Amino acid sequence: MISLAEIPSCLFPWEMKLAAEHLAAGGSVHDIPQMSKEGVLEDFSDAGPGKAPVQSM
């Protein structure tokens, strides 16, 4: 996860688990920003039913 400091991107807390799994499987840290934009990293399994966080800008 330390390698995430190399990219100019900020992950949401609920994206960290799948980002870590991607890196552990040999994926590139440089894939992470695009995966985040596409919603591939969104994992609300720990939040429980109906408790997905609200994203606001």
Protein backbone atom coordinates (compact mmCIF):
# COMPACT_ATOMS: atom_id res chain seq x y z
CA MET A 1 0.00 0.00 0.00
CA ILE A 2 2.94 2.33 0.53
CA SER A 3 3.43 2.39 -3.24
CA LEU A 4 0.13 4.28 -3.53
CA ALA A 5 2.09 7.36 -2.43
CA GLU A 6 3.70 7.29 -5.88
CA ILE A 7 0.50 8.26 -7.68
CA PRO A 8 -1.35 11.60 -7.56
CA SER A 9 -4.64 10.04 -6.50
CA CYS A 10 -6.61 9.76 -3.28
CA LEU A 11 -8.65 6.63 -2.68
CA PHE A 12 -11.82 6.51 -0.66
CA PRO A 13 -11.60 4.25 2.40
CA TRP A 14 -13.94 1.70 0.79
CA GLU A 15 -11.58 1.40 -2.20
CA MET A 16 -8.51 0.41 -0.19
CA LYS A 17 -9.31 -3.31 0.14
CA LEU A 18 -9.67 -3.98 -3.58
CA ALA A 19 -6.70 -1.75 -4.39
CA ALA A 20 -4.57 -3.81 -1.99
CA GLU A 21 -5.84 -7.04 -3.58
CA HIS A 22 -4.96 -5.70 -7.03
CA LEU A 23 -1.42 -4.87 -5.89
CA ALA A 24 -1.01 -8.21 -4.07
CA ALA A 25 -1.98 -10.04 -7.26
CA GLY A 26 0.86 -8.30 -9.10
CA GLY A 27 -1.14 -5.41 -10.54
CA SER A 28 0.49 -2.06 -11.17
CA VAL A 29 0.03 0.90 -8.86
CA HIS A 30 -0.44 2.98 -12.01
CA ASP A 31 -3.70 1.09 -12.77
CA ILE A 32 -5.30 2.31 -9.53
CA PRO A 33 -6.44 5.84 -10.57
CA GLN A 34 -8.30 4.53 -13.63
CA MET A 35 -9.82 1.66 -11.63
CA SER A 36 -11.05 4.20 -9.08
CA LYS A 37 -12.62 6.37 -11.81
CA GLU A 38 -14.37 3.33 -13.30
CA GLY A 39 -15.76 2.26 -9.92
CA VAL A 40 -13.94 -1.09 -10.03
CA LEU A 41 -12.53 -0.58 -6.52
CA GLU A 42 -15.81 0.11 -4.75
CA ASP A 43 -16.35 -2.45 -2.00
CA PHE A 44 -19.13 -1.82 0.49
CA SER A 45 -19.20 -5.38 1.86
CA ASP A 46 -18.04 -4.24 5.32
CA ALA A 47 -20.70 -1.50 5.52
CA GLY A 48 -23.66 -3.86 5.79
CA PRO A 49 -26.90 -3.75 3.80
CA GLY A 50 -28.10 -0.26 2.89
CA LYS A 51 -25.09 1.44 4.43
CA ALA A 52 -23.06 2.40 1.36
CA PRO A 53 -21.33 5.75 1.89
CA VAL A 54 -22.58 8.79 0.02
CA GLN A 55 -20.05 10.30 -2.36
CA SER A 56 -20.28 14.07 -2.62
CA MET A 57 -17.97 16.67 -4.05
